[in-house]
Amino acid sequence: CEARQGESSRSAAEAKQFVVRQRRMAARIITPADWRDQPWKNGLGVTREVARWPEASGAYDVRISVAEVLGSRSTAFSTFPGYLRWSTLLANDLLGLQTIDQPTHWLRAGQLAQYDGSVALSTAICDGAATLLNVLAKPDLIEVGLGAADAVDFVFAISAVDALPRWHARLFEVPATVTGEVLWLRFG
């Protein structure tokens, strides 16, 4: 029991430090021109990294990326043990997420799927290609959601909203209220 309590308080302390570090960062807009191409860990594709924390290359606590999945074949996702993964569709209306022991979960535009990063997933697409917005994070560091929310630290515009064009992101210096078709993160 004592070991578990130590792990819990250490995890809470790490989460608090993460929030403090992110709030010290200056507000900024992230455009598609700022994204960095990164090969998939499994070598089967490329993702375009929108943002990561910490920002240095290498290990990260949180990463937001955009990936295109081609419909010509089933595509295996890379696994990320020790992380949670959230995905939402940016382009195409339907994407099947398959695991070995579960029926296909059909992700529709406007929905957010959350699953353990260690789960082996593959995709099924009914028509053409799909573009996914993915968030990877170590547990207990962030909240992720779609649509209107208060006190958010990061927002990605799925469609144009206020002063943020489609597929642009913003890191807020002070938590803000967001509306519209957006994916948002709340640190801590």
N, C-alpha and C. Protein backbone atom coordinates (compact mmCIF):
# COMPACT_ATOMS: atom_id res chain seq x y z
N CYS A 1 0.82 -1.21 0.00
CA CYS A 1 0.00 0.00 0.00
C CYS A 1 0.86 1.26 0.00
N GLU A 2 1.92 1.30 0.83
CA GLU A 2 2.76 2.49 0.89
C GLU A 2 3.41 2.79 -0.45
N ALA A 3 3.86 1.73 -1.16
CA ALA A 3 4.48 1.93 -2.47
C ALA A 3 3.49 2.54 -3.44
N ARG A 4 2.24 2.09 -3.40
CA ARG A 4 1.23 2.65 -4.31
C ARG A 4 0.93 4.10 -3.97
N GLN A 5 0.89 4.44 -2.67
CA GLN A 5 0.63 5.83 -2.29
C GLN A 5 1.77 6.72 -2.78
N GLY A 6 3.02 6.25 -2.68
CA GLY A 6 4.16 7.01 -3.18
C GLY A 6 4.06 7.23 -4.67
N GLU A 7 3.64 6.18 -5.42
CA GLU A 7 3.48 6.32 -6.87
C GLU A 7 2.41 7.34 -7.19
N SER A 8 1.31 7.31 -6.43
CA SER A 8 0.21 8.22 -6.69
C SER A 8 0.63 9.67 -6.45
N SER A 9 1.33 9.94 -5.32
CA SER A 9 1.74 11.31 -5.05
C SER A 9 2.81 11.77 -6.03
N ARG A 10 3.70 10.85 -6.45
CA ARG A 10 4.71 11.21 -7.43
C ARG A 10 4.04 11.56 -8.76
N SER A 11 3.05 10.78 -9.15
CA SER A 11 2.33 11.05 -10.39
C SER A 11 1.62 12.40 -10.32
N ALA A 12 0.99 12.70 -9.20
CA ALA A 12 0.30 13.98 -9.03
C ALA A 12 1.31 15.13 -9.07
N ALA A 13 2.47 14.94 -8.44
CA ALA A 13 3.50 15.98 -8.45
C ALA A 13 4.02 16.21 -9.86
N GLU A 14 4.24 15.13 -10.62
CA GLU A 14 4.70 15.26 -12.00
C GLU A 14 3.67 16.00 -12.83
N ALA A 15 2.39 15.69 -12.63
CA ALA A 15 1.33 16.36 -13.38
C ALA A 15 1.31 17.85 -13.05
N LYS A 16 1.48 18.21 -11.79
CA LYS A 16 1.48 19.62 -11.41
C LYS A 16 2.67 20.34 -12.04
N GLN A 17 3.85 19.72 -12.04
CA GLN A 17 5.02 20.32 -12.66
C GLN A 17 4.79 20.52 -14.15
N PHE A 18 4.13 19.56 -14.80
CA PHE A 18 3.83 19.67 -16.22
C PHE A 18 2.97 20.91 -16.48
N VAL A 19 1.94 21.10 -15.66
CA VAL A 19 1.04 22.25 -15.83
C VAL A 19 1.81 23.55 -15.65
N VAL A 20 2.65 23.63 -14.64
CA VAL A 20 3.42 24.85 -14.40
C VAL A 20 4.32 25.14 -15.60
N ARG A 21 5.00 24.12 -16.13
CA ARG A 21 5.89 24.33 -17.29
C ARG A 21 5.10 24.85 -18.49
N GLN A 22 3.92 24.29 -18.76
CA GLN A 22 3.15 24.69 -19.94
C GLN A 22 2.62 26.10 -19.80
N ARG A 23 2.23 26.51 -18.61
CA ARG A 23 1.69 27.85 -18.41
C ARG A 23 2.75 28.92 -18.55
N ARG A 24 4.02 28.56 -18.39
CA ARG A 24 5.11 29.53 -18.55
C ARG A 24 5.40 29.80 -20.02
N MET A 25 4.89 28.97 -20.91
CA MET A 25 5.17 29.15 -22.34
C MET A 25 4.35 30.32 -22.89
N ALA A 26 4.93 31.04 -23.80
CA ALA A 26 4.25 32.18 -24.41
C ALA A 26 3.14 31.69 -25.33
N ALA A 27 2.07 32.47 -25.37
CA ALA A 27 0.98 32.16 -26.29
C ALA A 27 1.50 32.21 -27.71
N ARG A 28 0.97 31.34 -28.55
CA ARG A 28 1.40 31.35 -29.95
C ARG A 28 0.38 30.63 -30.81
N ILE A 29 0.42 30.97 -32.09
CA ILE A 29 -0.40 30.30 -33.11
C ILE A 29 0.51 29.29 -33.81
N ILE A 30 -0.03 28.10 -34.07
CA ILE A 30 0.71 27.06 -34.79
C ILE A 30 -0.04 26.81 -36.10
N THR A 31 0.64 27.05 -37.23
CA THR A 31 0.04 26.88 -38.55
C THR A 31 0.49 25.54 -39.14
N PRO A 32 -0.20 25.03 -40.17
CA PRO A 32 0.27 23.81 -40.83
C PRO A 32 1.71 23.92 -41.35
N ALA A 33 2.17 25.11 -41.68
CA ALA A 33 3.55 25.28 -42.13
C ALA A 33 4.55 25.00 -41.00
N ASP A 34 4.10 25.07 -39.75
CA ASP A 34 4.96 24.81 -38.60
C ASP A 34 5.06 23.33 -38.26
N TRP A 35 4.15 22.52 -38.80
CA TRP A 35 4.13 21.09 -38.46
C TRP A 35 5.41 20.42 -38.94
N ARG A 36 5.85 19.39 -38.22
CA ARG A 36 7.06 18.64 -38.57
C ARG A 36 6.69 17.21 -38.94
N ASP A 37 7.19 16.74 -40.08
CA ASP A 37 6.97 15.35 -40.48
C ASP A 37 7.78 14.42 -39.58
N GLN A 38 7.10 13.38 -39.09
CA GLN A 38 7.75 12.37 -38.25
C GLN A 38 7.34 10.99 -38.76
N PRO A 39 8.29 10.10 -38.98
CA PRO A 39 7.91 8.75 -39.41
C PRO A 39 7.16 8.04 -38.28
N TRP A 40 6.20 7.20 -38.68
CA TRP A 40 5.51 6.40 -37.68
C TRP A 40 6.52 5.48 -37.01
N LYS A 41 6.30 5.22 -35.75
CA LYS A 41 7.19 4.34 -35.00
C LYS A 41 7.27 2.96 -35.63
N ASN A 42 6.16 2.50 -36.25
CA ASN A 42 6.16 1.17 -36.88
C ASN A 42 6.66 1.20 -38.33
N GLY A 43 7.02 2.38 -38.85
CA GLY A 43 7.56 2.49 -40.20
C GLY A 43 6.55 2.43 -41.32
N LEU A 44 5.25 2.42 -41.00
CA LEU A 44 4.22 2.25 -42.04
C LEU A 44 3.59 3.55 -42.53
N GLY A 45 4.12 4.68 -42.11
CA GLY A 45 3.55 5.94 -42.56
C GLY A 45 4.28 7.12 -41.95
N VAL A 46 3.69 8.29 -42.12
CA VAL A 46 4.27 9.53 -41.60
C VAL A 46 3.15 10.31 -40.91
N THR A 47 3.48 10.92 -39.80
CA THR A 47 2.56 11.81 -39.12
C THR A 47 3.14 13.21 -39.17
N ARG A 48 2.28 14.19 -39.11
CA ARG A 48 2.74 15.59 -39.09
C ARG A 48 2.52 16.10 -37.68
N GLU A 49 3.61 16.33 -37.00
CA GLU A 49 3.55 16.74 -35.60
C GLU A 49 3.17 18.21 -35.50
N VAL A 50 2.06 18.48 -34.80
CA VAL A 50 1.55 19.83 -34.61
C VAL A 50 2.26 20.49 -33.42
N ALA A 51 2.33 19.77 -32.31
CA ALA A 51 2.95 20.30 -31.09
C ALA A 51 3.35 19.13 -30.20
N ARG A 52 4.31 19.40 -29.32
CA ARG A 52 4.72 18.41 -28.32
C ARG A 52 5.26 19.15 -27.10
N TRP A 53 5.13 18.48 -25.97
CA TRP A 53 5.68 19.01 -24.73
C TRP A 53 6.39 17.88 -24.00
N PRO A 54 7.64 18.06 -23.56
CA PRO A 54 8.44 19.22 -23.87
C PRO A 54 8.73 19.31 -25.36
N GLU A 55 9.13 20.50 -25.80
CA GLU A 55 9.28 20.76 -27.23
C GLU A 55 10.53 20.15 -27.84
N ALA A 56 11.53 19.86 -27.06
CA ALA A 56 12.76 19.26 -27.60
C ALA A 56 12.44 17.90 -28.21
N SER A 57 13.23 17.51 -29.22
CA SER A 57 13.00 16.21 -29.84
C SER A 57 13.35 15.11 -28.82
N GLY A 58 12.85 13.94 -29.06
CA GLY A 58 13.06 12.83 -28.14
C GLY A 58 11.78 12.53 -27.37
N ALA A 59 11.92 12.14 -26.14
CA ALA A 59 10.76 11.76 -25.32
C ALA A 59 9.84 12.96 -25.09
N TYR A 60 8.56 12.70 -25.00
CA TYR A 60 7.58 13.77 -24.76
C TYR A 60 6.54 13.27 -23.78
N ASP A 61 5.85 14.23 -23.14
CA ASP A 61 4.74 13.94 -22.25
C ASP A 61 3.42 13.99 -23.02
N VAL A 62 3.34 14.94 -23.96
CA VAL A 62 2.13 15.14 -24.77
C VAL A 62 2.56 15.43 -26.21
N ARG A 63 1.84 14.82 -27.17
CA ARG A 63 2.09 15.12 -28.58
C ARG A 63 0.76 15.20 -29.32
N ILE A 64 0.62 16.22 -30.16
CA ILE A 64 -0.55 16.36 -31.03
C ILE A 64 -0.05 16.22 -32.45
N SER A 65 -0.73 15.39 -33.25
CA SER A 65 -0.27 15.16 -34.62
C SER A 65 -1.45 14.90 -35.54
N VAL A 66 -1.17 15.05 -36.84
CA VAL A 66 -2.15 14.78 -37.88
C VAL A 66 -1.58 13.68 -38.77
N ALA A 67 -2.37 12.65 -39.02
CA ALA A 67 -1.91 11.54 -39.86
C ALA A 67 -2.95 11.24 -40.93
N GLU A 68 -2.48 10.93 -42.11
CA GLU A 68 -3.38 10.49 -43.19
C GLU A 68 -3.29 8.98 -43.28
N VAL A 69 -4.46 8.35 -43.27
CA VAL A 69 -4.56 6.89 -43.36
C VAL A 69 -5.18 6.56 -44.71
N LEU A 70 -4.47 5.79 -45.52
CA LEU A 70 -4.96 5.44 -46.86
C LEU A 70 -5.91 4.26 -46.77
N GLY A 71 -6.95 4.30 -47.61
CA GLY A 71 -7.98 3.28 -47.56
C GLY A 71 -7.71 2.04 -48.38
N SER A 72 -6.59 2.00 -49.06
CA SER A 72 -6.34 0.86 -49.94
C SER A 72 -6.01 -0.43 -49.19
N ARG A 73 -5.62 -0.30 -47.92
CA ARG A 73 -5.31 -1.48 -47.13
C ARG A 73 -5.50 -1.16 -45.66
N SER A 74 -5.58 -2.19 -44.85
CA SER A 74 -5.65 -2.01 -43.41
C SER A 74 -4.30 -1.46 -42.94
N THR A 75 -4.34 -0.43 -42.12
CA THR A 75 -3.11 0.20 -41.64
C THR A 75 -3.00 -0.03 -40.14
N ALA A 76 -1.87 -0.57 -39.71
CA ALA A 76 -1.63 -0.78 -38.28
C ALA A 76 -1.11 0.50 -37.65
N PHE A 77 -1.69 0.89 -36.54
CA PHE A 77 -1.18 2.04 -35.79
C PHE A 77 0.02 1.60 -34.97
N SER A 78 0.94 2.52 -34.73
CA SER A 78 2.03 2.27 -33.79
C SER A 78 1.44 2.16 -32.39
N THR A 79 2.07 1.38 -31.55
CA THR A 79 1.64 1.30 -30.15
C THR A 79 2.51 2.24 -29.32
N PHE A 80 1.92 2.75 -28.25
CA PHE A 80 2.60 3.68 -27.35
C PHE A 80 2.31 3.30 -25.90
N PRO A 81 2.93 2.22 -25.42
CA PRO A 81 2.73 1.83 -24.02
C PRO A 81 3.08 2.99 -23.08
N GLY A 82 2.28 3.17 -22.05
CA GLY A 82 2.50 4.25 -21.09
C GLY A 82 1.83 5.55 -21.46
N TYR A 83 1.09 5.57 -22.58
CA TYR A 83 0.38 6.76 -23.03
C TYR A 83 -1.10 6.45 -23.23
N LEU A 84 -1.92 7.48 -23.20
CA LEU A 84 -3.30 7.42 -23.66
C LEU A 84 -3.35 8.07 -25.02
N ARG A 85 -4.31 7.63 -25.85
CA ARG A 85 -4.43 8.17 -27.21
C ARG A 85 -5.88 8.60 -27.42
N TRP A 86 -6.03 9.81 -28.02
CA TRP A 86 -7.33 10.31 -28.44
C TRP A 86 -7.24 10.58 -29.93
N SER A 87 -8.31 10.27 -30.67
CA SER A 87 -8.33 10.51 -32.11
C SER A 87 -9.69 11.06 -32.52
N THR A 88 -9.65 11.98 -33.50
CA THR A 88 -10.87 12.47 -34.12
C THR A 88 -10.60 12.66 -35.61
N LEU A 89 -11.62 12.51 -36.41
CA LEU A 89 -11.47 12.66 -37.86
C LEU A 89 -11.44 14.13 -38.26
N LEU A 90 -10.50 14.47 -39.14
CA LEU A 90 -10.46 15.80 -39.74
C LEU A 90 -11.02 15.77 -41.15
N ALA A 91 -10.82 14.66 -41.85
CA ALA A 91 -11.31 14.50 -43.22
C ALA A 91 -11.77 13.07 -43.41
N ASN A 92 -12.87 12.87 -44.08
CA ASN A 92 -13.60 11.64 -44.29
C ASN A 92 -14.66 11.56 -43.19
N ASP A 93 -15.72 10.83 -43.43
CA ASP A 93 -16.82 10.78 -42.47
C ASP A 93 -16.80 9.55 -41.59
N LEU A 94 -15.96 8.57 -41.91
CA LEU A 94 -16.05 7.30 -41.19
C LEU A 94 -14.71 6.56 -41.24
N LEU A 95 -14.29 6.07 -40.10
CA LEU A 95 -13.05 5.29 -40.01
C LEU A 95 -13.27 4.18 -39.01
N GLY A 96 -12.94 2.96 -39.41
CA GLY A 96 -13.06 1.82 -38.50
C GLY A 96 -11.76 1.63 -37.73
N LEU A 97 -11.87 1.50 -36.41
CA LEU A 97 -10.73 1.18 -35.56
C LEU A 97 -10.92 -0.26 -35.08
N GLN A 98 -9.94 -1.09 -35.38
CA GLN A 98 -10.06 -2.52 -35.08
C GLN A 98 -8.98 -2.94 -34.09
N THR A 99 -9.38 -3.80 -33.14
CA THR A 99 -8.43 -4.45 -32.25
C THR A 99 -8.58 -5.95 -32.46
N ILE A 100 -7.64 -6.68 -31.93
CA ILE A 100 -7.64 -8.14 -32.13
C ILE A 100 -8.87 -8.80 -31.53
N ASP A 101 -9.28 -8.36 -30.34
CA ASP A 101 -10.34 -9.07 -29.62
C ASP A 101 -11.66 -8.32 -29.50
N GLN A 102 -11.83 -7.21 -30.22
CA GLN A 102 -13.07 -6.44 -30.15
C GLN A 102 -13.63 -6.21 -31.55
N PRO A 103 -14.95 -6.02 -31.66
CA PRO A 103 -15.50 -5.67 -32.97
C PRO A 103 -15.01 -4.28 -33.40
N THR A 104 -15.09 -3.99 -34.67
CA THR A 104 -14.66 -2.70 -35.21
C THR A 104 -15.49 -1.58 -34.60
N HIS A 105 -14.80 -0.55 -34.13
CA HIS A 105 -15.46 0.66 -33.63
C HIS A 105 -15.41 1.68 -34.77
N TRP A 106 -16.57 2.14 -35.23
CA TRP A 106 -16.63 3.09 -36.34
C TRP A 106 -16.61 4.50 -35.79
N LEU A 107 -15.53 5.22 -36.04
CA LEU A 107 -15.36 6.60 -35.62
C LEU A 107 -15.95 7.49 -36.70
N ARG A 108 -16.86 8.36 -36.30
CA ARG A 108 -17.51 9.28 -37.23
C ARG A 108 -16.98 10.70 -36.99
N ALA A 109 -17.10 11.56 -37.99
CA ALA A 109 -16.72 12.96 -37.84
C ALA A 109 -17.46 13.54 -36.64
N GLY A 110 -16.76 14.33 -35.84
CA GLY A 110 -17.38 14.94 -34.66
C GLY A 110 -17.31 14.09 -33.42
N GLN A 111 -16.70 12.91 -33.50
CA GLN A 111 -16.55 12.04 -32.34
C GLN A 111 -15.08 11.99 -31.93
N LEU A 112 -14.87 11.73 -30.65
CA LEU A 112 -13.53 11.60 -30.10
C LEU A 112 -13.40 10.21 -29.51
N ALA A 113 -12.43 9.45 -30.01
CA ALA A 113 -12.17 8.11 -29.47
C ALA A 113 -10.99 8.19 -28.52
N GLN A 114 -11.08 7.49 -27.41
CA GLN A 114 -9.97 7.43 -26.46
C GLN A 114 -9.65 5.97 -26.20
N TYR A 115 -8.36 5.65 -26.20
CA TYR A 115 -7.96 4.28 -25.91
C TYR A 115 -6.54 4.26 -25.37
N ASP A 116 -6.17 3.15 -24.79
CA ASP A 116 -4.84 2.96 -24.23
C ASP A 116 -3.83 2.88 -25.37
N GLY A 117 -2.73 3.58 -25.25
CA GLY A 117 -1.71 3.61 -26.30
C GLY A 117 -1.04 2.27 -26.54
N SER A 118 -1.15 1.34 -25.61
CA SER A 118 -0.52 0.03 -25.79
C SER A 118 -1.38 -0.93 -26.61
N VAL A 119 -2.63 -0.57 -26.88
CA VAL A 119 -3.54 -1.43 -27.64
C VAL A 119 -3.14 -1.42 -29.11
N ALA A 120 -3.02 -2.61 -29.69
CA ALA A 120 -2.71 -2.74 -31.12
C ALA A 120 -3.97 -2.45 -31.92
N LEU A 121 -3.96 -1.38 -32.71
CA LEU A 121 -5.11 -0.96 -33.52
C LEU A 121 -4.74 -1.02 -34.98
N SER A 122 -5.74 -1.33 -35.79
CA SER A 122 -5.61 -1.17 -37.24
C SER A 122 -6.86 -0.47 -37.71
N THR A 123 -6.85 -0.04 -38.98
CA THR A 123 -7.95 0.78 -39.49
C THR A 123 -8.67 0.10 -40.64
N ALA A 124 -9.89 0.53 -40.84
CA ALA A 124 -10.68 0.16 -42.01
C ALA A 124 -11.36 1.43 -42.50
N ILE A 125 -11.23 1.72 -43.78
CA ILE A 125 -11.85 2.91 -44.36
C ILE A 125 -12.76 2.47 -45.48
N CYS A 126 -13.96 3.01 -45.46
CA CYS A 126 -14.94 2.65 -46.49
C CYS A 126 -14.63 3.30 -47.83
N ASP A 127 -14.07 4.51 -47.81
CA ASP A 127 -13.92 5.26 -49.04
C ASP A 127 -12.69 6.15 -48.99
N GLY A 128 -11.70 5.87 -49.80
CA GLY A 128 -10.55 6.76 -49.95
C GLY A 128 -9.60 6.78 -48.78
N ALA A 129 -9.29 7.97 -48.30
CA ALA A 129 -8.36 8.16 -47.19
C ALA A 129 -9.06 8.92 -46.07
N ALA A 130 -8.48 8.83 -44.90
CA ALA A 130 -8.99 9.57 -43.75
C ALA A 130 -7.83 10.33 -43.13
N THR A 131 -8.12 11.52 -42.62
CA THR A 131 -7.12 12.31 -41.91
C THR A 131 -7.54 12.38 -40.46
N LEU A 132 -6.63 11.97 -39.59
CA LEU A 132 -6.90 11.90 -38.15
C LEU A 132 -6.08 12.92 -37.40
N LEU A 133 -6.70 13.53 -36.41
CA LEU A 133 -5.99 14.34 -35.43
C LEU A 133 -5.82 13.45 -34.21
N ASN A 134 -4.57 13.25 -33.79
CA ASN A 134 -4.25 12.36 -32.68
C ASN A 134 -3.58 13.12 -31.54
N VAL A 135 -3.93 12.74 -30.33
CA VAL A 135 -3.27 13.27 -29.14
C VAL A 135 -2.74 12.08 -28.37
N LEU A 136 -1.47 12.12 -28.01
CA LEU A 136 -0.85 11.12 -27.14
C LEU A 136 -0.41 11.84 -25.88
N ALA A 137 -0.70 11.25 -24.72
CA ALA A 137 -0.29 11.87 -23.46
C ALA A 137 -0.08 10.81 -22.40
N LYS A 138 0.87 11.07 -21.53
CA LYS A 138 1.03 10.23 -20.36
C LYS A 138 -0.21 10.44 -19.49
N PRO A 139 -0.66 9.40 -18.79
CA PRO A 139 -1.89 9.52 -17.99
C PRO A 139 -1.84 10.66 -16.97
N ASP A 140 -3.01 11.26 -16.75
CA ASP A 140 -3.22 12.27 -15.71
C ASP A 140 -2.57 13.62 -16.00
N LEU A 141 -2.12 13.88 -17.20
CA LEU A 141 -1.50 15.17 -17.50
C LEU A 141 -2.47 16.15 -18.13
N ILE A 142 -3.42 15.66 -18.93
CA ILE A 142 -4.31 16.55 -19.67
C ILE A 142 -5.72 16.01 -19.70
N GLU A 143 -6.65 16.90 -19.99
CA GLU A 143 -8.01 16.55 -20.40
C GLU A 143 -8.10 16.90 -21.88
N VAL A 144 -8.86 16.11 -22.63
CA VAL A 144 -9.04 16.35 -24.06
C VAL A 144 -10.53 16.36 -24.35
N GLY A 145 -10.98 17.28 -25.19
CA GLY A 145 -12.39 17.32 -25.53
C GLY A 145 -12.62 17.98 -26.88
N LEU A 146 -13.88 17.91 -27.31
CA LEU A 146 -14.32 18.55 -28.55
C LEU A 146 -15.37 19.59 -28.22
N GLY A 147 -15.37 20.70 -28.97
CA GLY A 147 -16.42 21.70 -28.84
C GLY A 147 -16.12 22.75 -27.78
N ALA A 148 -17.17 23.45 -27.37
CA ALA A 148 -17.04 24.57 -26.44
C ALA A 148 -16.54 24.11 -25.07
N ALA A 149 -15.66 24.92 -24.48
CA ALA A 149 -15.14 24.62 -23.14
C ALA A 149 -14.51 25.87 -22.55
N ASP A 150 -14.46 25.91 -21.23
CA ASP A 150 -13.81 26.99 -20.50
C ASP A 150 -12.45 26.51 -19.99
N ALA A 151 -11.59 27.45 -19.71
CA ALA A 151 -10.29 27.22 -19.06
C ALA A 151 -9.44 26.19 -19.80
N VAL A 152 -9.32 26.36 -21.13
CA VAL A 152 -8.48 25.45 -21.92
C VAL A 152 -7.13 26.11 -22.18
N ASP A 153 -6.13 25.26 -22.38
CA ASP A 153 -4.77 25.74 -22.57
C ASP A 153 -4.30 25.66 -24.02
N PHE A 154 -4.95 24.81 -24.81
CA PHE A 154 -4.55 24.58 -26.20
C PHE A 154 -5.81 24.28 -26.99
N VAL A 155 -5.87 24.79 -28.24
CA VAL A 155 -7.02 24.51 -29.10
C VAL A 155 -6.53 24.26 -30.52
N PHE A 156 -7.17 23.31 -31.20
CA PHE A 156 -6.92 23.01 -32.60
C PHE A 156 -8.24 23.22 -33.33
N ALA A 157 -8.25 24.08 -34.34
CA ALA A 157 -9.47 24.39 -35.09
C ALA A 157 -9.72 23.31 -36.16
N ILE A 158 -10.74 22.52 -35.96
CA ILE A 158 -11.13 21.52 -36.95
C ILE A 158 -11.75 22.22 -38.16
N SER A 159 -12.52 23.27 -37.89
CA SER A 159 -12.97 24.20 -38.93
C SER A 159 -12.66 25.60 -38.41
N ALA A 160 -12.69 26.60 -39.27
CA ALA A 160 -12.33 27.96 -38.87
C ALA A 160 -13.22 28.45 -37.73
N VAL A 161 -12.59 29.03 -36.72
CA VAL A 161 -13.31 29.60 -35.58
C VAL A 161 -12.66 30.93 -35.20
N ASP A 162 -13.48 31.92 -34.85
CA ASP A 162 -12.99 33.24 -34.44
C ASP A 162 -11.77 33.65 -35.27
N ALA A 163 -10.63 33.88 -34.65
CA ALA A 163 -9.44 34.34 -35.37
C ALA A 163 -8.49 33.19 -35.69
N LEU A 164 -9.01 31.97 -35.70
CA LEU A 164 -8.16 30.80 -35.93
C LEU A 164 -8.64 30.05 -37.17
N PRO A 165 -7.83 30.09 -38.26
CA PRO A 165 -8.24 29.37 -39.48
C PRO A 165 -8.28 27.85 -39.27
N ARG A 166 -8.95 27.19 -40.19
CA ARG A 166 -9.05 25.72 -40.17
C ARG A 166 -7.65 25.09 -40.07
N TRP A 167 -7.53 24.08 -39.22
CA TRP A 167 -6.32 23.27 -38.99
C TRP A 167 -5.16 24.09 -38.45
N HIS A 168 -5.46 25.18 -37.79
CA HIS A 168 -4.46 25.95 -37.06
C HIS A 168 -4.69 25.69 -35.57
N ALA A 169 -3.66 25.90 -34.78
CA ALA A 169 -3.76 25.65 -33.34
C ALA A 169 -3.27 26.88 -32.58
N ARG A 170 -3.67 26.94 -31.33
CA ARG A 170 -3.23 28.04 -30.48
C ARG A 170 -2.93 27.52 -29.08
N LEU A 171 -1.79 27.92 -28.58
CA LEU A 171 -1.41 27.68 -27.19
C LEU A 171 -1.67 28.98 -26.44
N PHE A 172 -2.50 28.91 -25.40
CA PHE A 172 -2.85 30.11 -24.64
C PHE A 172 -1.89 30.30 -23.47
N GLU A 173 -1.52 31.55 -23.23
CA GLU A 173 -0.69 31.86 -22.07
C GLU A 173 -1.53 31.79 -20.80
N VAL A 174 -2.77 32.23 -20.90
CA VAL A 174 -3.72 32.19 -19.80
C VAL A 174 -4.90 31.34 -20.29
N PRO A 175 -5.40 30.39 -19.48
CA PRO A 175 -6.52 29.56 -19.93
C PRO A 175 -7.66 30.40 -20.50
N ALA A 176 -8.27 29.90 -21.58
CA ALA A 176 -9.27 30.67 -22.31
C ALA A 176 -10.53 29.83 -22.56
N THR A 177 -11.58 30.51 -22.98
CA THR A 177 -12.83 29.88 -23.39
C THR A 177 -12.78 29.70 -24.90
N VAL A 178 -13.21 28.53 -25.37
CA VAL A 178 -13.24 28.26 -26.81
C VAL A 178 -14.63 27.79 -27.20
N THR A 179 -14.98 28.03 -28.46
CA THR A 179 -16.26 27.58 -29.01
C THR A 179 -16.02 27.06 -30.42
N GLY A 180 -17.03 26.43 -30.98
CA GLY A 180 -16.95 25.98 -32.36
C GLY A 180 -16.44 24.55 -32.48
N GLU A 181 -16.11 24.20 -33.71
CA GLU A 181 -15.64 22.84 -34.01
C GLU A 181 -14.14 22.79 -33.76
N VAL A 182 -13.79 22.47 -32.51
CA VAL A 182 -12.40 22.48 -32.07
C VAL A 182 -12.11 21.24 -31.23
N LEU A 183 -10.83 20.88 -31.17
CA LEU A 183 -10.33 19.94 -30.18
C LEU A 183 -9.54 20.78 -29.18
N TRP A 184 -9.75 20.56 -27.90
CA TRP A 184 -9.05 21.35 -26.90
C TRP A 184 -8.33 20.46 -25.89
N LEU A 185 -7.30 21.06 -25.27
CA LEU A 185 -6.56 20.40 -24.18
C LEU A 185 -6.60 21.30 -22.97
N ARG A 186 -6.72 20.68 -21.83
CA ARG A 186 -6.62 21.38 -20.55
C ARG A 186 -5.49 20.68 -19.80
N PHE A 187 -4.42 21.40 -19.50
CA PHE A 187 -3.29 20.81 -18.79
C PHE A 187 -3.61 20.65 -17.32
N GLY A 188 -3.28 19.47 -16.78
CA GLY A 188 -3.46 19.21 -15.36
C GLY A 188 -4.85 18.82 -15.05
